[in-house]
Amino acid sequence: MVKLLLDENISPRAAIDLRADGHDVVHLRERGRLGIGDPEVLELAFAEDRVLVTANVADFRKLAAARDLHAGIVLLLDGGLRRDEHLEVLRRVIVALEAGDDLVNRVLTVALDGGFSIEELPPST
């Protein structure tokens, strides 16, 4: 089962709706961690073995590339999605992740057209 941590730029309601669907999803707000720094967000996701979902693309791409190990990150290129759009995209992401390998040290990017791409971050040597 895929476990997700939703960053504060993702609708908190999406976590509630996805849990109602039977998925293991929590939001930073539910952890009482709104306003913490990006490195702490990534560390929390790692500590809980959760894939982080964020629209903060540039910052988390840099953090992932600089870190030796992370549980995986989903980057949403369209940071202006409405709550229902977040939910739709996240349901598709969960299906894709459950059908494939885990995202350890990988980043799944959701493009503006809804397509997915996966890359290794940090790059394997």
N, C-alpha and C. Protein backbone atom coordinates (compact mmCIF):
# COMPACT_ATOMS: atom_id res chain seq x y z
N MET A 1 0.84 -1.18 0.00
CA MET A 1 0.00 0.00 0.00
C MET A 1 0.89 1.24 0.00
N VAL A 2 0.53 2.22 -0.81
CA VAL A 2 1.24 3.48 -0.90
C VAL A 2 0.82 4.36 0.27
N LYS A 3 1.81 4.95 0.93
CA LYS A 3 1.56 5.88 2.03
C LYS A 3 2.02 7.26 1.59
N LEU A 4 1.11 8.25 1.69
CA LEU A 4 1.41 9.59 1.24
C LEU A 4 1.37 10.60 2.38
N LEU A 5 2.24 11.61 2.29
CA LEU A 5 2.20 12.79 3.14
C LEU A 5 1.96 13.98 2.22
N LEU A 6 0.88 14.72 2.45
CA LEU A 6 0.56 15.87 1.62
C LEU A 6 1.13 17.13 2.23
N ASP A 7 1.88 17.87 1.43
CA ASP A 7 2.47 19.13 1.86
C ASP A 7 1.35 20.16 2.06
N GLU A 8 1.70 21.27 2.70
CA GLU A 8 0.69 22.27 3.02
C GLU A 8 0.12 22.97 1.79
N ASN A 9 0.75 22.83 0.62
CA ASN A 9 0.21 23.45 -0.59
C ASN A 9 -0.77 22.52 -1.32
N ILE A 10 -1.11 21.40 -0.71
CA ILE A 10 -2.11 20.47 -1.23
C ILE A 10 -3.33 20.55 -0.30
N SER A 11 -4.51 20.44 -0.86
CA SER A 11 -5.73 20.56 -0.07
C SER A 11 -5.78 19.52 1.06
N PRO A 12 -5.98 19.95 2.30
CA PRO A 12 -6.11 19.01 3.42
C PRO A 12 -7.31 18.08 3.24
N ARG A 13 -8.33 18.56 2.56
CA ARG A 13 -9.52 17.75 2.33
C ARG A 13 -9.19 16.53 1.47
N ALA A 14 -8.19 16.64 0.61
CA ALA A 14 -7.79 15.51 -0.23
C ALA A 14 -7.37 14.33 0.64
N ALA A 15 -6.67 14.59 1.72
CA ALA A 15 -6.26 13.50 2.62
C ALA A 15 -7.47 12.80 3.22
N ILE A 16 -8.45 13.58 3.63
CA ILE A 16 -9.68 13.01 4.23
C ILE A 16 -10.41 12.15 3.20
N ASP A 17 -10.57 12.69 1.99
CA ASP A 17 -11.29 11.96 0.94
C ASP A 17 -10.55 10.69 0.52
N LEU A 18 -9.22 10.76 0.44
CA LEU A 18 -8.45 9.58 0.04
C LEU A 18 -8.47 8.51 1.14
N ARG A 19 -8.48 8.92 2.39
CA ARG A 19 -8.63 7.93 3.48
C ARG A 19 -9.99 7.25 3.41
N ALA A 20 -11.02 8.02 3.04
CA ALA A 20 -12.36 7.45 2.87
C ALA A 20 -12.37 6.40 1.76
N ASP A 21 -11.46 6.55 0.79
CA ASP A 21 -11.31 5.56 -0.29
C ASP A 21 -10.48 4.36 0.16
N GLY A 22 -9.93 4.41 1.39
CA GLY A 22 -9.14 3.30 1.90
C GLY A 22 -7.64 3.47 1.78
N HIS A 23 -7.17 4.67 1.45
CA HIS A 23 -5.73 4.92 1.27
C HIS A 23 -5.12 5.49 2.55
N ASP A 24 -3.83 5.27 2.73
CA ASP A 24 -3.08 5.75 3.89
C ASP A 24 -2.46 7.09 3.53
N VAL A 25 -3.19 8.17 3.80
CA VAL A 25 -2.78 9.52 3.42
C VAL A 25 -2.98 10.45 4.61
N VAL A 26 -1.96 11.26 4.90
CA VAL A 26 -2.07 12.28 5.94
C VAL A 26 -1.58 13.61 5.38
N HIS A 27 -2.04 14.67 5.99
CA HIS A 27 -1.66 16.03 5.60
C HIS A 27 -0.81 16.63 6.71
N LEU A 28 0.11 17.51 6.36
CA LEU A 28 0.94 18.18 7.37
C LEU A 28 0.09 18.84 8.46
N ARG A 29 -1.05 19.38 8.08
CA ARG A 29 -1.94 20.01 9.06
C ARG A 29 -2.36 19.00 10.13
N GLU A 30 -2.64 17.78 9.72
CA GLU A 30 -3.07 16.75 10.68
C GLU A 30 -1.94 16.33 11.62
N ARG A 31 -0.72 16.57 11.21
CA ARG A 31 0.44 16.27 12.04
C ARG A 31 0.82 17.47 12.91
N GLY A 32 0.09 18.59 12.75
CA GLY A 32 0.40 19.80 13.50
C GLY A 32 1.73 20.41 13.08
N ARG A 33 2.08 20.26 11.80
CA ARG A 33 3.41 20.66 11.34
C ARG A 33 3.37 21.74 10.26
N LEU A 34 2.28 22.48 10.14
CA LEU A 34 2.24 23.56 9.16
C LEU A 34 3.33 24.58 9.47
N GLY A 35 3.97 25.08 8.43
CA GLY A 35 4.97 26.12 8.58
C GLY A 35 6.38 25.63 8.84
N ILE A 36 6.58 24.32 8.93
CA ILE A 36 7.95 23.83 9.13
C ILE A 36 8.72 23.96 7.83
N GLY A 37 10.04 23.97 7.92
CA GLY A 37 10.88 24.12 6.74
C GLY A 37 10.82 22.91 5.83
N ASP A 38 11.16 23.13 4.58
CA ASP A 38 11.13 22.04 3.60
C ASP A 38 12.01 20.85 3.99
N PRO A 39 13.22 21.06 4.51
CA PRO A 39 14.02 19.90 4.92
C PRO A 39 13.32 19.06 6.00
N GLU A 40 12.60 19.74 6.91
CA GLU A 40 11.87 19.01 7.95
C GLU A 40 10.68 18.25 7.38
N VAL A 41 10.05 18.83 6.37
CA VAL A 41 8.94 18.14 5.70
C VAL A 41 9.45 16.84 5.07
N LEU A 42 10.55 16.94 4.35
CA LEU A 42 11.11 15.75 3.70
C LEU A 42 11.56 14.73 4.74
N GLU A 43 12.12 15.17 5.85
CA GLU A 43 12.54 14.26 6.91
C GLU A 43 11.35 13.59 7.55
N LEU A 44 10.26 14.32 7.77
CA LEU A 44 9.04 13.72 8.33
C LEU A 44 8.51 12.63 7.40
N ALA A 45 8.46 12.91 6.11
CA ALA A 45 8.00 11.90 5.15
C ALA A 45 8.88 10.66 5.22
N PHE A 46 10.19 10.87 5.28
CA PHE A 46 11.13 9.75 5.36
C PHE A 46 10.93 8.97 6.66
N ALA A 47 10.79 9.68 7.78
CA ALA A 47 10.63 9.03 9.08
C ALA A 47 9.37 8.18 9.13
N GLU A 48 8.33 8.61 8.43
CA GLU A 48 7.06 7.87 8.41
C GLU A 48 6.96 6.94 7.20
N ASP A 49 8.03 6.84 6.41
CA ASP A 49 8.04 6.01 5.20
C ASP A 49 6.88 6.36 4.27
N ARG A 50 6.73 7.66 4.05
CA ARG A 50 5.66 8.16 3.20
C ARG A 50 6.24 8.89 1.99
N VAL A 51 5.57 8.76 0.87
CA VAL A 51 5.90 9.54 -0.32
C VAL A 51 5.33 10.93 -0.10
N LEU A 52 6.16 11.93 -0.29
CA LEU A 52 5.73 13.31 -0.14
C LEU A 52 5.08 13.79 -1.43
N VAL A 53 3.94 14.47 -1.29
CA VAL A 53 3.26 15.09 -2.44
C VAL A 53 3.29 16.59 -2.24
N THR A 54 3.83 17.32 -3.22
CA THR A 54 3.98 18.77 -3.09
C THR A 54 3.87 19.46 -4.44
N ALA A 55 3.51 20.73 -4.39
CA ALA A 55 3.56 21.58 -5.59
C ALA A 55 4.77 22.51 -5.53
N ASN A 56 5.59 22.36 -4.51
CA ASN A 56 6.80 23.15 -4.33
C ASN A 56 7.93 22.46 -5.09
N VAL A 57 7.86 22.53 -6.39
CA VAL A 57 8.70 21.72 -7.28
C VAL A 57 10.19 22.05 -7.16
N ALA A 58 10.55 23.29 -7.33
CA ALA A 58 11.98 23.65 -7.38
C ALA A 58 12.69 23.32 -6.08
N ASP A 59 12.10 23.68 -4.95
CA ASP A 59 12.75 23.45 -3.66
C ASP A 59 12.92 21.96 -3.37
N PHE A 60 11.87 21.18 -3.60
CA PHE A 60 11.96 19.75 -3.26
C PHE A 60 12.79 18.96 -4.26
N ARG A 61 12.87 19.42 -5.50
CA ARG A 61 13.76 18.77 -6.46
C ARG A 61 15.21 18.93 -5.98
N LYS A 62 15.57 20.13 -5.52
CA LYS A 62 16.92 20.37 -5.00
C LYS A 62 17.18 19.54 -3.74
N LEU A 63 16.22 19.51 -2.84
CA LEU A 63 16.39 18.74 -1.60
C LEU A 63 16.56 17.26 -1.89
N ALA A 64 15.76 16.72 -2.79
CA ALA A 64 15.85 15.30 -3.14
C ALA A 64 17.20 14.99 -3.77
N ALA A 65 17.67 15.87 -4.63
CA ALA A 65 18.95 15.63 -5.31
C ALA A 65 20.11 15.67 -4.33
N ALA A 66 19.96 16.42 -3.25
CA ALA A 66 21.05 16.57 -2.28
C ALA A 66 21.01 15.52 -1.17
N ARG A 67 19.96 14.75 -1.11
CA ARG A 67 19.78 13.80 -0.02
C ARG A 67 20.17 12.40 -0.47
N ASP A 68 20.82 11.65 0.39
CA ASP A 68 21.23 10.28 0.05
C ASP A 68 20.04 9.33 -0.08
N LEU A 69 19.02 9.53 0.75
CA LEU A 69 17.89 8.60 0.78
C LEU A 69 16.61 9.34 1.12
N HIS A 70 15.57 9.09 0.34
CA HIS A 70 14.23 9.61 0.66
C HIS A 70 13.21 8.58 0.20
N ALA A 71 12.00 8.68 0.73
CA ALA A 71 10.95 7.69 0.46
C ALA A 71 10.25 7.92 -0.87
N GLY A 72 10.57 9.03 -1.55
CA GLY A 72 9.95 9.35 -2.82
C GLY A 72 9.17 10.65 -2.73
N ILE A 73 9.06 11.31 -3.86
CA ILE A 73 8.36 12.59 -3.92
C ILE A 73 7.51 12.62 -5.17
N VAL A 74 6.29 13.16 -5.03
CA VAL A 74 5.43 13.44 -6.16
C VAL A 74 5.39 14.95 -6.30
N LEU A 75 5.81 15.45 -7.46
CA LEU A 75 5.83 16.88 -7.73
C LEU A 75 4.69 17.23 -8.68
N LEU A 76 3.83 18.13 -8.24
CA LEU A 76 2.72 18.59 -9.08
C LEU A 76 3.13 19.90 -9.73
N LEU A 77 3.33 19.89 -11.04
CA LEU A 77 3.77 21.09 -11.74
C LEU A 77 2.72 22.19 -11.73
N ASP A 78 1.45 21.81 -11.63
CA ASP A 78 0.37 22.80 -11.58
C ASP A 78 0.00 23.05 -10.13
N GLY A 79 0.59 24.09 -9.54
CA GLY A 79 0.33 24.42 -8.15
C GLY A 79 -1.00 25.09 -7.91
N GLY A 80 -1.72 25.42 -8.96
CA GLY A 80 -2.98 26.13 -8.79
C GLY A 80 -4.22 25.25 -8.89
N LEU A 81 -4.06 23.97 -8.66
CA LEU A 81 -5.21 23.07 -8.76
C LEU A 81 -6.23 23.33 -7.66
N ARG A 82 -7.49 23.15 -7.99
CA ARG A 82 -8.56 23.22 -6.99
C ARG A 82 -8.59 21.90 -6.21
N ARG A 83 -9.33 21.91 -5.10
CA ARG A 83 -9.42 20.73 -4.24
C ARG A 83 -9.87 19.49 -5.01
N ASP A 84 -10.90 19.59 -5.84
CA ASP A 84 -11.37 18.43 -6.59
C ASP A 84 -10.32 17.96 -7.60
N GLU A 85 -9.56 18.91 -8.15
CA GLU A 85 -8.50 18.54 -9.10
C GLU A 85 -7.34 17.85 -8.37
N HIS A 86 -7.00 18.33 -7.17
CA HIS A 86 -5.99 17.63 -6.36
C HIS A 86 -6.41 16.19 -6.15
N LEU A 87 -7.65 16.00 -5.77
CA LEU A 87 -8.15 14.66 -5.48
C LEU A 87 -8.08 13.77 -6.71
N GLU A 88 -8.49 14.28 -7.86
CA GLU A 88 -8.45 13.50 -9.09
C GLU A 88 -7.01 13.10 -9.45
N VAL A 89 -6.10 14.06 -9.38
CA VAL A 89 -4.69 13.79 -9.70
C VAL A 89 -4.12 12.77 -8.71
N LEU A 90 -4.39 12.94 -7.43
CA LEU A 90 -3.84 12.03 -6.42
C LEU A 90 -4.38 10.62 -6.57
N ARG A 91 -5.62 10.48 -6.94
CA ARG A 91 -6.16 9.13 -7.19
C ARG A 91 -5.41 8.46 -8.34
N ARG A 92 -5.12 9.22 -9.39
CA ARG A 92 -4.36 8.67 -10.52
C ARG A 92 -2.93 8.32 -10.11
N VAL A 93 -2.32 9.17 -9.29
CA VAL A 93 -0.96 8.92 -8.80
C VAL A 93 -0.93 7.64 -7.97
N ILE A 94 -1.90 7.46 -7.09
CA ILE A 94 -1.94 6.26 -6.25
C ILE A 94 -2.06 5.01 -7.10
N VAL A 95 -2.92 5.04 -8.10
CA VAL A 95 -3.07 3.89 -9.00
C VAL A 95 -1.74 3.59 -9.68
N ALA A 96 -1.08 4.63 -10.17
CA ALA A 96 0.21 4.44 -10.87
C ALA A 96 1.26 3.88 -9.91
N LEU A 97 1.31 4.39 -8.69
CA LEU A 97 2.31 3.91 -7.73
C LEU A 97 2.03 2.48 -7.27
N GLU A 98 0.78 2.15 -7.10
CA GLU A 98 0.44 0.79 -6.67
C GLU A 98 0.70 -0.23 -7.77
N ALA A 99 0.70 0.22 -9.01
CA ALA A 99 0.94 -0.69 -10.14
C ALA A 99 2.43 -0.87 -10.43
N GLY A 100 3.27 0.01 -9.89
CA GLY A 100 4.69 -0.04 -10.22
C GLY A 100 5.55 -0.29 -9.00
N ASP A 101 6.83 0.00 -9.15
CA ASP A 101 7.78 -0.14 -8.06
C ASP A 101 7.60 1.01 -7.08
N ASP A 102 8.30 0.90 -5.94
CA ASP A 102 8.24 1.99 -4.98
C ASP A 102 9.00 3.20 -5.52
N LEU A 103 8.88 4.31 -4.82
CA LEU A 103 9.51 5.55 -5.28
C LEU A 103 10.76 5.90 -4.49
N VAL A 104 11.33 4.98 -3.76
CA VAL A 104 12.52 5.28 -2.97
C VAL A 104 13.58 5.91 -3.88
N ASN A 105 14.03 7.09 -3.49
CA ASN A 105 15.02 7.87 -4.24
C ASN A 105 14.58 8.21 -5.66
N ARG A 106 13.28 8.27 -5.85
CA ARG A 106 12.76 8.64 -7.17
C ARG A 106 11.72 9.74 -7.01
N VAL A 107 11.53 10.48 -8.07
CA VAL A 107 10.57 11.57 -8.10
C VAL A 107 9.60 11.32 -9.25
N LEU A 108 8.31 11.37 -8.94
CA LEU A 108 7.28 11.28 -9.96
C LEU A 108 6.77 12.70 -10.18
N THR A 109 6.91 13.18 -11.41
CA THR A 109 6.45 14.52 -11.75
C THR A 109 5.16 14.42 -12.52
N VAL A 110 4.15 15.16 -12.08
CA VAL A 110 2.87 15.22 -12.77
C VAL A 110 2.86 16.50 -13.61
N ALA A 111 2.89 16.33 -14.93
CA ALA A 111 2.97 17.46 -15.86
C ALA A 111 1.64 18.21 -15.94
N LEU A 112 1.67 19.36 -16.55
CA LEU A 112 0.47 20.17 -16.70
C LEU A 112 -0.61 19.45 -17.49
N ASP A 113 -0.21 18.58 -18.41
CA ASP A 113 -1.19 17.83 -19.21
C ASP A 113 -1.67 16.57 -18.49
N GLY A 114 -1.19 16.35 -17.25
CA GLY A 114 -1.61 15.18 -16.47
C GLY A 114 -0.72 13.97 -16.65
N GLY A 115 0.23 14.02 -17.56
CA GLY A 115 1.14 12.89 -17.75
C GLY A 115 2.15 12.78 -16.61
N PHE A 116 2.70 11.59 -16.45
CA PHE A 116 3.67 11.33 -15.39
C PHE A 116 5.04 11.05 -15.98
N SER A 117 6.08 11.44 -15.23
CA SER A 117 7.43 11.00 -15.55
C SER A 117 8.11 10.69 -14.22
N ILE A 118 9.02 9.70 -14.25
CA ILE A 118 9.74 9.31 -13.04
C ILE A 118 11.23 9.41 -13.29
N GLU A 119 11.95 9.96 -12.33
CA GLU A 119 13.40 10.03 -12.42
C GLU A 119 14.03 9.71 -11.08
N GLU A 120 15.29 9.27 -11.13
CA GLU A 120 16.06 8.99 -9.92
C GLU A 120 16.62 10.30 -9.37
N LEU A 121 16.37 10.57 -8.09
CA LEU A 121 16.97 11.70 -7.40
C LEU A 121 17.26 11.28 -5.97
N PRO A 122 18.45 11.25 -5.53
CA PRO A 122 19.63 11.68 -6.25
C PRO A 122 20.00 10.66 -7.34
N PRO A 123 20.68 11.11 -8.37
CA PRO A 123 21.07 10.17 -9.43
C PRO A 123 21.97 9.08 -8.88
N SER A 124 21.72 7.86 -9.30
CA SER A 124 22.59 6.76 -8.86
C SER A 124 23.95 6.91 -9.53
N THR A 125 24.99 6.52 -8.80
CA THR A 125 26.34 6.69 -9.34
C THR A 125 26.89 5.39 -9.88
